[in-house]
N, C-alpha and C. Protein backbone atom coordinates (compact mmCIF):
# COMPACT_ATOMS: atom_id res chain seq x y z
N UNK A 1 23.04 10.48 59.70
CA UNK A 1 22.83 11.24 58.21
C UNK A 1 21.78 10.65 57.39
N UNK A 2 20.80 11.29 57.09
CA UNK A 2 19.57 10.74 56.07
C UNK A 2 19.35 10.67 54.54
N UNK A 3 19.44 10.08 53.93
CA UNK A 3 19.30 10.02 52.37
C UNK A 3 18.31 11.05 51.70
N UNK A 4 18.83 11.41 51.01
CA UNK A 4 18.12 12.47 50.27
C UNK A 4 16.49 11.58 49.17
N UNK A 5 17.10 10.05 48.84
CA UNK A 5 16.25 9.24 48.14
C UNK A 5 16.75 9.43 46.69
N UNK A 6 17.53 10.00 46.43
CA UNK A 6 17.86 10.48 44.81
C UNK A 6 17.29 9.10 43.42
N UNK A 7 17.93 8.37 44.82
CA UNK A 7 17.82 6.87 43.69
C UNK A 7 16.46 6.10 43.52
N UNK A 8 15.99 6.57 44.78
CA UNK A 8 14.79 6.18 44.32
C UNK A 8 13.85 6.86 43.64
N UNK A 9 14.00 8.36 43.56
CA UNK A 9 13.22 9.15 42.49
C UNK A 9 13.77 9.17 40.86
N UNK A 10 14.88 8.67 40.81
CA UNK A 10 15.19 8.30 39.46
C UNK A 10 14.49 6.77 38.86
N UNK A 11 14.53 6.06 39.97
CA UNK A 11 14.03 4.48 39.78
C UNK A 11 12.33 4.84 39.37
N UNK A 12 11.78 5.61 39.99
CA UNK A 12 10.41 5.51 39.83
C UNK A 12 10.30 6.94 38.76
N UNK A 13 11.15 7.55 38.47
CA UNK A 13 11.01 8.33 37.08
C UNK A 13 11.31 7.62 35.85
N UNK A 14 11.94 6.75 35.70
CA UNK A 14 12.21 5.86 34.92
C UNK A 14 11.36 4.58 34.74
N UNK A 15 10.92 4.36 35.80
CA UNK A 15 9.66 3.37 35.41
C UNK A 15 8.38 4.15 34.93
N UNK A 16 8.38 5.13 35.60
CA UNK A 16 6.82 5.70 34.79
C UNK A 16 7.41 6.09 33.06
N UNK A 17 8.79 6.62 32.93
CA UNK A 17 8.96 6.74 31.37
C UNK A 17 8.74 5.52 30.65
N UNK A 18 9.58 4.29 31.14
CA UNK A 18 9.10 3.18 30.18
C UNK A 18 7.93 2.61 30.55
N UNK A 19 6.86 3.04 31.37
CA UNK A 19 5.68 2.55 31.04
C UNK A 19 4.70 3.40 30.00
N UNK A 20 5.18 4.76 29.90
CA UNK A 20 4.95 5.65 28.93
C UNK A 20 5.13 5.10 27.25
N UNK A 21 6.43 4.70 27.19
CA UNK A 21 6.85 4.29 26.46
C UNK A 21 6.34 3.38 25.75
N UNK A 22 6.30 2.38 26.54
CA UNK A 22 5.40 1.19 26.07
C UNK A 22 3.85 1.12 25.54
N UNK A 23 3.22 1.82 26.61
CA UNK A 23 1.97 2.35 26.31
C UNK A 23 1.62 2.85 24.37
N UNK A 24 2.62 3.89 24.78
CA UNK A 24 2.59 5.04 23.45
C UNK A 24 3.19 4.26 22.52
N UNK A 25 4.19 3.32 22.52
CA UNK A 25 4.25 2.25 21.49
C UNK A 25 3.11 1.19 20.86
N UNK A 26 2.81 0.72 21.70
CA UNK A 26 1.78 -0.51 21.30
C UNK A 26 0.63 0.28 20.74
N UNK A 27 -0.01 1.68 21.25
CA UNK A 27 -0.91 2.51 20.61
C UNK A 27 -0.75 2.65 19.32
N UNK A 28 0.39 3.47 18.78
CA UNK A 28 1.30 4.04 17.26
C UNK A 28 1.00 2.24 16.57
N UNK A 29 1.66 1.49 17.13
CA UNK A 29 1.17 0.48 16.30
C UNK A 29 0.15 0.20 15.81
N UNK A 30 -0.81 -0.27 16.86
CA UNK A 30 -2.39 -0.53 16.71
C UNK A 30 -2.77 0.19 15.67
N UNK A 31 -2.70 1.82 15.74
CA UNK A 31 -3.36 2.53 14.88
C UNK A 31 -2.64 2.26 13.40
N UNK A 32 -1.11 1.89 13.40
CA UNK A 32 -0.70 1.50 12.21
C UNK A 32 -1.48 0.70 11.75
N UNK A 33 -1.58 -0.64 11.83
CA UNK A 33 -1.92 -1.50 11.49
C UNK A 33 -3.65 -2.10 11.40
N UNK A 34 -4.13 -1.22 11.84
CA UNK A 34 -5.89 -1.63 12.39
C UNK A 34 -6.67 -1.46 11.17
N UNK A 35 -5.91 -1.19 10.16
CA UNK A 35 -7.08 -1.40 8.68
C UNK A 35 -6.61 -2.17 7.99
N UNK A 36 -5.39 -2.75 8.56
CA UNK A 36 -5.05 -3.97 7.04
C UNK A 36 -4.45 -3.26 5.69
N UNK A 37 -3.86 -3.84 4.91
CA UNK A 37 -2.95 -3.74 3.85
C UNK A 37 -3.91 -3.95 2.53
N UNK A 38 -3.52 -3.30 1.63
CA UNK A 38 -3.92 -3.42 0.24
C UNK A 38 -3.33 -4.98 -0.55
N UNK A 39 -4.16 -5.69 -1.00
CA UNK A 39 -4.22 -6.72 -1.52
C UNK A 39 -3.97 -7.20 -3.10
N UNK A 40 -3.18 -7.35 -3.44
CA UNK A 40 -3.48 -6.91 -4.84
C UNK A 40 -3.45 -8.28 -5.59
N UNK A 41 -3.72 -8.78 -6.68
CA UNK A 41 -3.77 -10.29 -7.26
C UNK A 41 -3.68 -9.67 -8.87
N UNK A 42 -2.24 -10.25 -9.40
CA UNK A 42 -2.13 -10.37 -10.52
C UNK A 42 -2.52 -11.32 -11.36
N UNK A 43 -3.75 -11.26 -12.58
CA UNK A 43 -3.71 -12.64 -12.90
C UNK A 43 -3.95 -12.56 -14.43
N UNK A 44 -4.28 -13.42 -15.24
CA UNK A 44 -5.04 -13.42 -16.63
C UNK A 44 -5.94 -14.09 -16.95
N UNK A 45 -6.87 -13.58 -17.75
CA UNK A 45 -8.22 -14.16 -18.34
C UNK A 45 -7.72 -15.20 -19.32
N UNK A 46 -8.41 -15.99 -19.71
CA UNK A 46 -8.09 -16.79 -20.47
C UNK A 46 -7.53 -16.40 -21.90
N UNK A 47 -7.92 -15.64 -22.32
CA UNK A 47 -7.32 -15.23 -23.40
C UNK A 47 -5.35 -14.26 -23.20
N UNK A 48 -5.44 -14.47 -22.05
CA UNK A 48 -4.15 -13.54 -21.83
C UNK A 48 -4.50 -12.23 -21.94
N UNK A 49 -5.72 -11.76 -21.44
CA UNK A 49 -5.93 -10.44 -21.15
C UNK A 49 -5.24 -10.60 -19.53
N UNK A 50 -4.45 -9.33 -18.98
CA UNK A 50 -3.96 -9.27 -17.17
C UNK A 50 -5.03 -8.42 -16.74
N UNK A 51 -5.22 -8.60 -15.78
CA UNK A 51 -6.18 -8.48 -14.99
C UNK A 51 -5.56 -8.10 -13.61
N UNK A 52 -5.71 -6.70 -12.63
CA UNK A 52 -5.34 -6.76 -11.42
C UNK A 52 -6.84 -6.95 -10.47
N UNK A 53 -6.86 -7.73 -9.89
CA UNK A 53 -7.63 -7.42 -8.55
C UNK A 53 -7.22 -6.35 -7.17
N UNK A 54 -8.26 -5.93 -6.97
CA UNK A 54 -7.61 -5.11 -5.72
C UNK A 54 -8.81 -5.41 -4.36
N UNK A 55 -8.23 -5.62 -3.47
CA UNK A 55 -8.82 -5.74 -2.07
C UNK A 55 -8.15 -5.21 -0.95
N UNK A 56 -9.30 -4.47 -0.41
CA UNK A 56 -8.81 -3.75 1.26
C UNK A 56 -10.10 -3.89 2.54
N UNK A 57 -10.02 -5.01 2.86
CA UNK A 57 -11.45 -5.60 3.61
C UNK A 57 -11.95 -4.36 4.65
N UNK A 58 -10.94 -3.88 5.47
CA UNK A 58 -11.08 -3.16 6.53
C UNK A 58 -11.92 -2.12 5.64
N UNK A 59 -11.46 -1.48 4.52
CA UNK A 59 -12.65 -0.13 3.83
C UNK A 59 -13.93 -0.50 3.00
N UNK A 60 -14.26 -1.98 3.43
CA UNK A 60 -15.32 -2.01 2.35
C UNK A 60 -14.72 -2.31 0.94
N UNK A 61 -13.56 -2.37 0.46
CA UNK A 61 -13.11 -2.31 -0.84
C UNK A 61 -12.70 -4.16 -1.41
N UNK A 62 -13.53 -4.70 -2.10
CA UNK A 62 -13.34 -6.26 -2.71
C UNK A 62 -14.00 -6.19 -4.13
N UNK A 63 -13.14 -6.74 -4.68
CA UNK A 63 -13.16 -7.48 -5.81
C UNK A 63 -13.31 -6.43 -6.68
N UNK A 64 -12.44 -5.44 -6.67
CA UNK A 64 -12.37 -4.35 -7.75
C UNK A 64 -11.51 -4.74 -8.86
N UNK A 65 -11.94 -4.99 -9.86
CA UNK A 65 -10.95 -5.65 -11.12
C UNK A 65 -10.90 -4.83 -12.20
N UNK A 66 -9.27 -4.47 -12.23
CA UNK A 66 -9.17 -3.60 -13.65
C UNK A 66 -8.19 -4.67 -14.83
N UNK A 67 -8.88 -4.68 -16.04
CA UNK A 67 -8.74 -5.51 -16.46
C UNK A 67 -7.84 -4.37 -18.22
N UNK A 68 -7.18 -4.98 -18.61
CA UNK A 68 -6.59 -4.20 -19.56
C UNK A 68 -6.65 -5.32 -21.08
N UNK A 69 -7.44 -4.97 -21.81
CA UNK A 69 -8.32 -6.01 -23.03
C UNK A 69 -7.20 -5.44 -24.15
N UNK A 70 -6.60 -4.27 -24.31
CA UNK A 70 -5.62 -4.11 -24.98
C UNK A 70 -4.13 -4.92 -24.92
N UNK A 71 -4.24 -5.88 -24.03
CA UNK A 71 -2.47 -6.18 -23.69
C UNK A 71 -2.82 -7.77 -23.70
N UNK A 72 -1.80 -8.41 -23.97
CA UNK A 72 -1.73 -10.08 -23.83
C UNK A 72 -0.51 -10.27 -23.10
N UNK A 73 -0.58 -11.03 -22.03
CA UNK A 73 0.41 -11.25 -21.60
C UNK A 73 0.15 -12.47 -20.99
N UNK A 74 1.87 -13.86 -20.44
CA UNK A 74 1.36 -15.23 -20.24
C UNK A 74 2.04 -15.31 -18.75
N UNK A 75 1.01 -15.17 -17.77
CA UNK A 75 1.72 -15.19 -16.45
C UNK A 75 1.81 -17.02 -16.32
N UNK A 76 3.47 -17.28 -15.77
CA UNK A 76 3.36 -18.75 -15.68
C UNK A 76 2.61 -19.75 -14.70
N UNK A 77 2.40 -18.73 -13.47
CA UNK A 77 1.76 -19.42 -12.36
C UNK A 77 0.44 -18.84 -12.04
N UNK A 78 -0.12 -18.38 -13.28
CA UNK A 78 -1.54 -18.18 -12.65
C UNK A 78 -2.02 -16.81 -12.06
N UNK A 79 -2.38 -17.07 -11.09
CA UNK A 79 -2.41 -15.70 -10.34
C UNK A 79 -1.72 -15.74 -9.31
N UNK A 80 -1.24 -14.33 -8.73
CA UNK A 80 -0.25 -14.17 -7.86
C UNK A 80 -0.72 -12.86 -6.57
N UNK A 81 -0.81 -13.29 -5.47
CA UNK A 81 -1.13 -12.09 -4.67
C UNK A 81 -0.34 -11.32 -4.00
N UNK A 82 -0.24 -10.29 -4.07
CA UNK A 82 1.20 -9.32 -3.50
C UNK A 82 0.17 -8.29 -2.31
N UNK A 83 0.38 -8.55 -0.80
CA UNK A 83 0.04 -7.87 0.43
C UNK A 83 0.98 -6.96 0.29
N UNK A 84 0.58 -5.29 0.51
CA UNK A 84 1.31 -4.60 0.53
C UNK A 84 1.37 -3.80 2.04
N UNK A 85 2.37 -4.54 2.89
CA UNK A 85 2.32 -4.51 4.60
C UNK A 85 3.43 -3.92 5.22
N UNK A 86 4.61 -4.03 4.41
CA UNK A 86 5.84 -3.77 4.63
C UNK A 86 5.83 -1.94 4.82
N UNK A 87 6.29 -1.28 5.96
CA UNK A 87 6.45 0.04 5.98
C UNK A 87 7.60 0.87 5.09
N UNK A 88 8.68 0.10 5.01
CA UNK A 88 10.11 0.81 4.51
C UNK A 88 9.92 0.26 3.13
N UNK A 89 10.07 1.35 2.37
CA UNK A 89 9.50 0.66 0.68
C UNK A 89 10.97 0.54 0.32
N UNK A 90 10.99 -0.92 -0.82
CA UNK A 90 12.27 -1.35 -1.57
C UNK A 90 12.27 -0.40 -2.75
N UNK A 91 14.03 -0.78 -3.22
CA UNK A 91 13.76 -0.12 -4.69
C UNK A 91 12.84 -0.61 -5.66
N UNK A 92 12.40 0.05 -6.76
CA UNK A 92 11.23 -0.34 -7.75
C UNK A 92 11.25 -1.45 -7.76
N UNK A 93 10.08 -2.23 -7.40
CA UNK A 93 9.91 -3.80 -6.93
C UNK A 93 8.97 -4.11 -8.74
N UNK A 94 9.30 -4.96 -9.20
CA UNK A 94 8.63 -5.29 -10.16
C UNK A 94 7.70 -6.37 -10.07
N UNK A 95 6.27 -6.24 -10.34
CA UNK A 95 5.06 -6.62 -9.93
C UNK A 95 5.43 -7.75 -10.92
N UNK A 96 4.34 -8.83 -10.62
CA UNK A 96 4.06 -10.03 -11.59
C UNK A 96 3.39 -8.92 -13.40
N UNK A 97 2.85 -8.15 -13.39
CA UNK A 97 2.66 -7.38 -14.42
C UNK A 97 2.63 -5.61 -14.21
N UNK A 98 3.89 -5.49 -14.63
CA UNK A 98 3.94 -3.91 -14.53
C UNK A 98 5.07 -3.88 -13.03
N UNK A 99 4.81 -2.52 -12.93
CA UNK A 99 6.15 -2.15 -11.77
C UNK A 99 5.62 -1.36 -10.79
N UNK A 100 5.73 -1.89 -9.54
CA UNK A 100 5.74 -0.76 -8.15
C UNK A 100 6.29 0.42 -8.05
N UNK A 101 6.05 2.07 -8.49
CA UNK A 101 6.71 2.74 -8.41
C UNK A 101 6.79 3.58 -7.37
N UNK A 102 5.82 3.58 -6.31
CA UNK A 102 5.58 4.11 -5.18
C UNK A 102 5.30 3.33 -4.32
N UNK A 103 5.12 3.67 -2.62
CA UNK A 103 4.04 2.84 -2.24
C UNK A 103 4.78 3.64 -0.65
N UNK A 104 3.83 3.78 0.36
CA UNK A 104 4.01 4.50 1.26
C UNK A 104 3.07 3.82 2.19
N UNK A 105 3.23 2.78 3.44
CA UNK A 105 2.13 2.08 3.58
C UNK A 105 2.52 2.15 5.35
N UNK A 106 3.42 3.61 5.45
CA UNK A 106 3.49 3.51 7.33
C UNK A 106 2.49 3.47 8.07
N UNK A 107 1.08 4.08 7.63
CA UNK A 107 -0.03 3.61 8.11
C UNK A 107 -0.87 3.29 7.07
N UNK A 108 -1.22 1.89 7.30
CA UNK A 108 -2.06 1.06 6.51
C UNK A 108 -3.52 1.70 6.45
N UNK A 109 -4.05 1.39 5.13
CA UNK A 109 -3.35 0.82 4.04
C UNK A 109 -2.71 1.75 3.39
N UNK A 110 -2.57 2.76 3.17
CA UNK A 110 -1.33 3.54 2.52
C UNK A 110 -1.91 4.03 1.05
N UNK A 111 -0.50 4.24 0.49
CA UNK A 111 -1.14 4.61 -1.12
C UNK A 111 0.48 3.55 -1.61
N UNK A 112 -0.37 3.07 -2.92
CA UNK A 112 0.36 2.47 -3.79
C UNK A 112 0.22 2.61 -4.93
N UNK A 113 1.16 2.71 -6.01
CA UNK A 113 1.04 3.32 -7.49
C UNK A 113 2.00 2.55 -7.97
N UNK A 114 1.16 2.07 -9.33
CA UNK A 114 1.66 0.92 -10.34
C UNK A 114 1.83 1.73 -11.44
N UNK A 115 2.76 1.40 -12.37
CA UNK A 115 2.75 1.44 -13.79
C UNK A 115 2.42 0.01 -14.57
N UNK A 116 1.65 -0.08 -15.17
CA UNK A 116 1.16 -0.78 -15.73
C UNK A 116 1.05 -0.59 -17.40
N UNK A 117 1.76 -1.25 -18.24
CA UNK A 117 1.71 -1.14 -19.87
C UNK A 117 1.23 0.66 -20.31
N UNK A 118 1.90 1.30 -19.54
CA UNK A 118 2.10 2.56 -20.16
C UNK A 118 0.69 3.47 -18.92
N UNK A 119 0.09 2.76 -18.35
CA UNK A 119 -0.75 3.17 -17.41
C UNK A 119 -0.62 3.39 -16.14
N UNK A 120 -0.82 4.68 -15.13
CA UNK A 120 -0.44 4.67 -13.48
C UNK A 120 -2.00 4.15 -13.11
N UNK A 121 -1.39 3.43 -12.31
CA UNK A 121 -2.72 3.25 -11.46
C UNK A 121 -2.07 3.35 -10.00
N UNK A 122 -3.34 4.39 -9.27
CA UNK A 122 -2.76 4.74 -7.67
C UNK A 122 -4.21 4.26 -6.86
N UNK A 123 -3.70 3.43 -5.95
CA UNK A 123 -4.46 2.85 -4.70
C UNK A 123 -4.33 4.12 -3.61
N UNK A 124 -5.68 4.46 -3.24
CA UNK A 124 -5.41 5.31 -2.11
C UNK A 124 -6.97 5.10 -1.42
N UNK A 125 -6.81 5.01 -0.20
CA UNK A 125 -8.04 5.10 0.48
C UNK A 125 -9.67 5.75 0.29
N UNK A 126 -9.13 6.81 -0.30
CA UNK A 126 -10.36 7.75 -0.93
C UNK A 126 -11.10 7.44 -2.13
N UNK A 127 -9.89 7.02 -3.12
CA UNK A 127 -10.45 7.05 -4.56
C UNK A 127 -9.26 5.74 -5.05
N UNK A 128 -9.58 5.57 -6.28
CA UNK A 128 -8.57 5.05 -6.87
C UNK A 128 -8.59 5.88 -8.40
N UNK A 129 -7.24 5.92 -8.52
CA UNK A 129 -6.59 6.89 -9.71
C UNK A 129 -6.22 5.84 -10.62
N UNK A 130 -6.69 6.13 -11.94
CA UNK A 130 -6.31 5.72 -12.99
C UNK A 130 -5.86 6.55 -14.09
N UNK A 131 -4.84 6.87 -14.58
CA UNK A 131 -3.90 7.94 -15.43
C UNK A 131 -4.48 9.05 -14.73
N UNK A 132 -4.25 9.53 -13.59
CA UNK A 132 -4.98 10.70 -13.14
C UNK A 132 -6.55 11.09 -12.98
N UNK A 133 -7.01 10.22 -12.99
CA UNK A 133 -8.67 10.01 -13.04
C UNK A 133 -9.19 9.54 -12.09
N UNK A 134 -9.65 10.22 -11.11
CA UNK A 134 -10.30 9.66 -10.17
C UNK A 134 -11.65 8.52 -10.39
N UNK A 135 -11.58 7.32 -9.65
CA UNK A 135 -12.85 6.43 -9.73
C UNK A 135 -12.96 6.33 -8.08
N UNK A 136 -14.31 6.57 -7.89
CA UNK A 136 -14.92 6.00 -7.11
C UNK A 136 -14.76 4.38 -6.73
N UNK A 137 -14.42 3.85 -5.47
CA UNK A 137 -14.45 2.43 -5.08
C UNK A 137 -15.86 1.71 -5.05
N UNK A 138 -15.85 0.75 -5.67
CA UNK A 138 -17.36 0.29 -6.20
C UNK A 138 -17.53 -1.49 -6.07
N UNK A 139 -17.53 -1.93 -5.16
CA UNK A 139 -17.19 -3.25 -4.94
C UNK A 139 -17.59 -4.16 -5.75
N UNK A 140 -16.92 -5.09 -6.05
CA UNK A 140 -17.40 -5.98 -7.26
C UNK A 140 -17.62 -5.77 -8.77
N UNK A 141 -16.88 -4.34 -9.06
CA UNK A 141 -16.90 -3.70 -10.29
C UNK A 141 -15.71 -4.14 -11.18
N UNK A 142 -15.85 -4.13 -12.23
CA UNK A 142 -15.00 -4.11 -13.26
C UNK A 142 -14.39 -3.01 -14.13
N UNK A 143 -13.37 -2.39 -14.23
CA UNK A 143 -12.72 -1.12 -14.97
C UNK A 143 -12.25 -1.67 -16.13
N UNK A 144 -12.40 -1.45 -17.15
CA UNK A 144 -11.65 -1.76 -18.45
C UNK A 144 -10.72 -0.81 -18.80
N UNK A 145 -9.13 -0.72 -18.70
CA UNK A 145 -8.35 0.50 -18.31
C UNK A 145 -7.58 0.32 -20.17
N UNK A 146 -7.96 1.01 -21.09
CA UNK A 146 -7.56 0.66 -22.52
C UNK A 146 -6.96 2.45 -23.14
N UNK A 147 -6.44 2.43 -24.50
CA UNK A 147 -5.75 3.55 -24.79
C UNK A 147 -4.73 3.45 -24.15
N UNK A 148 -4.24 4.80 -24.41
CA UNK A 148 -2.87 5.22 -24.29
C UNK A 148 -2.69 5.82 -22.55
N UNK A 149 -1.62 5.16 -22.09
CA UNK A 149 -1.47 5.73 -20.49
C UNK A 149 -1.15 7.09 -20.28
N UNK A 150 -0.94 7.71 -19.10
CA UNK A 150 -0.35 8.95 -19.14
C UNK A 150 0.88 8.53 -17.92
N UNK A 151 1.09 7.38 -18.11
CA UNK A 151 2.70 7.15 -16.78
C UNK A 151 3.87 8.22 -17.57
N UNK A 152 4.32 8.74 -16.49
CA UNK A 152 5.70 9.68 -17.34
C UNK A 152 6.82 8.20 -17.92
N UNK A 153 7.29 8.78 -18.67
CA UNK A 153 8.16 7.57 -19.37
C UNK A 153 9.27 7.09 -18.15
N UNK A 154 10.15 8.48 -17.18
CA UNK A 154 10.55 7.76 -15.76
C UNK A 154 9.70 8.16 -14.86
N UNK A 155 9.81 7.00 -13.97
CA UNK A 155 8.84 7.23 -12.58
C UNK A 155 9.19 8.42 -12.31
N UNK A 156 8.01 9.05 -11.41
CA UNK A 156 7.65 10.46 -10.33
C UNK A 156 9.09 9.74 -9.64
N UNK A 157 9.49 11.02 -9.06
CA UNK A 157 10.74 11.42 -8.33
C UNK A 157 10.15 11.85 -7.16
N UNK A 158 9.82 11.10 -5.99
CA UNK A 158 8.93 12.02 -4.70
C UNK A 158 9.95 12.41 -3.70
N UNK A 159 9.98 13.54 -3.65
CA UNK A 159 10.70 13.77 -2.12
C UNK A 159 10.30 13.13 -0.67
N UNK A 160 11.56 12.61 -0.05
CA UNK A 160 10.81 12.14 1.48
C UNK A 160 11.45 13.87 2.18
N UNK A 161 10.64 14.30 2.93
CA UNK A 161 10.98 15.51 3.88
C UNK A 161 11.14 14.70 5.18
N UNK A 162 12.62 14.99 5.58
CA UNK A 162 12.85 14.81 7.06
C UNK A 162 13.06 15.87 7.70
N UNK A 163 11.99 15.69 9.13
CA UNK A 163 12.15 17.02 9.85
C UNK A 163 13.01 16.54 10.93
C-alpha cells in the first residue's frame, strides 16, 4: 500500500510558514527601528534656566534647544539624556523637568508629548509643536518658551483603538 505523503506535505507547509514568519518579523522590526529614537537632554543653564535639547540624527534634527527663561530650577545631576525607544508606554512618566504625558514609539521615532511648566511640547517627525503652534525643525536653533502655556490642567486622554 502506497502512502499519500500527508506528513511530508504538512512538514513542507510548516517550513514555508515558519520561513515566511521569520522574514516578515525581521523586516517589520527593521522598519520599526531604522530611524532610531528621540533623544531628549534635560539640563540647566548657569542661572538655573531649564533647557530641553532635542536630537534625532536620522531625521537630521540635532541640537534643537528649548529654553524656559521664565522658570528657575536646580538639577542635582547636571544634564540627563533620555532616549525614547521602548514601544510600550509606561504610566505618566516624570522627566527630570516636567512630565511625559504621551508617547507612541511603535515605529521610531514616533511621537512624544511633554508637559513642562504649563507648556505642551510635542515632538513629531514632521514638526515641533509648542503650545499647539507648529515650529519647523531647524538644527542648531534655540527657541525661548515664554508666557502662559496652553497645556490642559488634566493631561489629554488619548484613546487606543484596537481592531
